[in-house]
Amino acid sequence: MKSTMDEAVAVSCDFLKHLPPECIIYRIGGNGHPQHAIAPEWVWQKKREFSLAIDQEFIRCQTRQRSKTFSIA
């Protein structure tokens, strides 16, 4: 299954919305060797765009990290 950058941004933002503010994200992407990658190919060309797209999605949705919480019942 191939994922698009838009799908990856949406999933990443949904995940980040649940992280507490004390949890610091140092890196949203990596620089491994393409031979060992399991990520979609677009990741290698668009790492900076991916980070910016996440920022833009948070702005568009007027949300931030930890805007949602998990409910344990």
Protein backbone atom coordinates (compact mmCIF):
# COMPACT_ATOMS: atom_id res chain seq x y z
CA MET A 1 0.00 0.00 0.00
CA LYS A 2 1.46 3.33 -1.05
CA SER A 3 0.70 6.36 1.04
CA THR A 4 0.55 9.88 -0.24
CA MET A 5 2.12 12.79 1.56
CA ASP A 6 -1.36 14.14 2.37
CA GLU A 7 -2.31 10.84 4.01
CA ALA A 8 0.94 10.76 5.98
CA VAL A 9 0.43 14.36 7.14
CA ALA A 10 -3.11 13.58 8.29
CA VAL A 11 -2.02 10.47 10.22
CA SER A 12 0.97 12.28 11.73
CA CYS A 13 -1.18 15.20 12.88
CA ASP A 14 -3.76 12.85 14.37
CA PHE A 15 -0.97 11.12 16.31
CA LEU A 16 0.66 14.36 17.46
CA LYS A 17 -2.66 15.70 18.75
CA HIS A 18 -2.53 12.99 21.44
CA LEU A 19 1.03 13.64 22.67
CA PRO A 20 1.46 15.70 25.82
CA PRO A 21 3.38 18.97 25.47
CA GLU A 22 6.19 17.53 27.63
CA CYS A 23 6.92 15.05 24.83
CA ILE A 24 9.33 16.87 22.55
CA ILE A 25 9.54 15.84 18.90
CA TYR A 26 13.13 16.32 17.79
CA ARG A 27 12.78 14.86 14.33
CA ILE A 28 9.80 14.05 12.14
CA GLY A 29 11.91 12.40 9.42
CA GLY A 30 15.21 10.63 9.06
CA ASN A 31 18.21 10.23 6.80
CA GLY A 32 18.72 6.52 6.41
CA HIS A 33 20.01 4.77 3.32
CA PRO A 34 17.26 4.44 0.68
CA GLN A 35 18.08 0.73 0.28
CA HIS A 36 16.88 0.12 3.84
CA ALA A 37 13.81 2.34 3.69
CA ILE A 38 10.32 1.03 4.23
CA ALA A 39 8.85 4.52 3.82
CA PRO A 40 7.27 5.79 0.61
CA GLU A 41 9.73 7.10 -1.95
CA TRP A 42 8.44 10.68 -1.71
CA VAL A 43 9.90 10.91 1.81
CA TRP A 44 13.43 11.14 0.42
CA GLN A 45 12.67 14.07 -1.84
CA LYS A 46 10.27 16.01 0.37
CA LYS A 47 11.40 15.83 4.01
CA ARG A 48 11.27 19.59 4.50
CA GLU A 49 7.93 19.85 2.69
CA PHE A 50 6.52 17.14 4.97
CA SER A 51 7.47 19.10 8.11
CA LEU A 52 5.99 22.29 6.70
CA ALA A 53 2.81 20.46 5.67
CA ILE A 54 2.32 19.26 9.24
CA ASP A 55 2.72 22.83 10.52
CA GLN A 56 0.25 24.09 7.90
CA GLU A 57 -2.27 21.38 8.81
CA PHE A 58 -2.13 22.35 12.48
CA ILE A 59 -2.72 25.98 11.51
CA ARG A 60 -5.55 25.06 9.13
CA CYS A 61 -7.29 22.95 11.77
CA GLN A 62 -6.53 25.45 14.53
CA THR A 63 -5.07 22.67 16.63
CA ARG A 64 -1.80 21.73 18.27
CA GLN A 65 0.05 18.94 20.02
CA ARG A 66 -2.08 17.53 22.84
CA SER A 67 -5.34 19.02 21.60
CA LYS A 68 -6.94 15.60 22.11
CA THR A 69 -6.64 13.15 24.96
CA PHE A 70 -7.14 9.43 25.13
CA SER A 71 -10.01 8.22 27.24
CA ILE A 72 -9.30 5.12 29.28
CA ALA A 73 -12.52 3.63 30.52
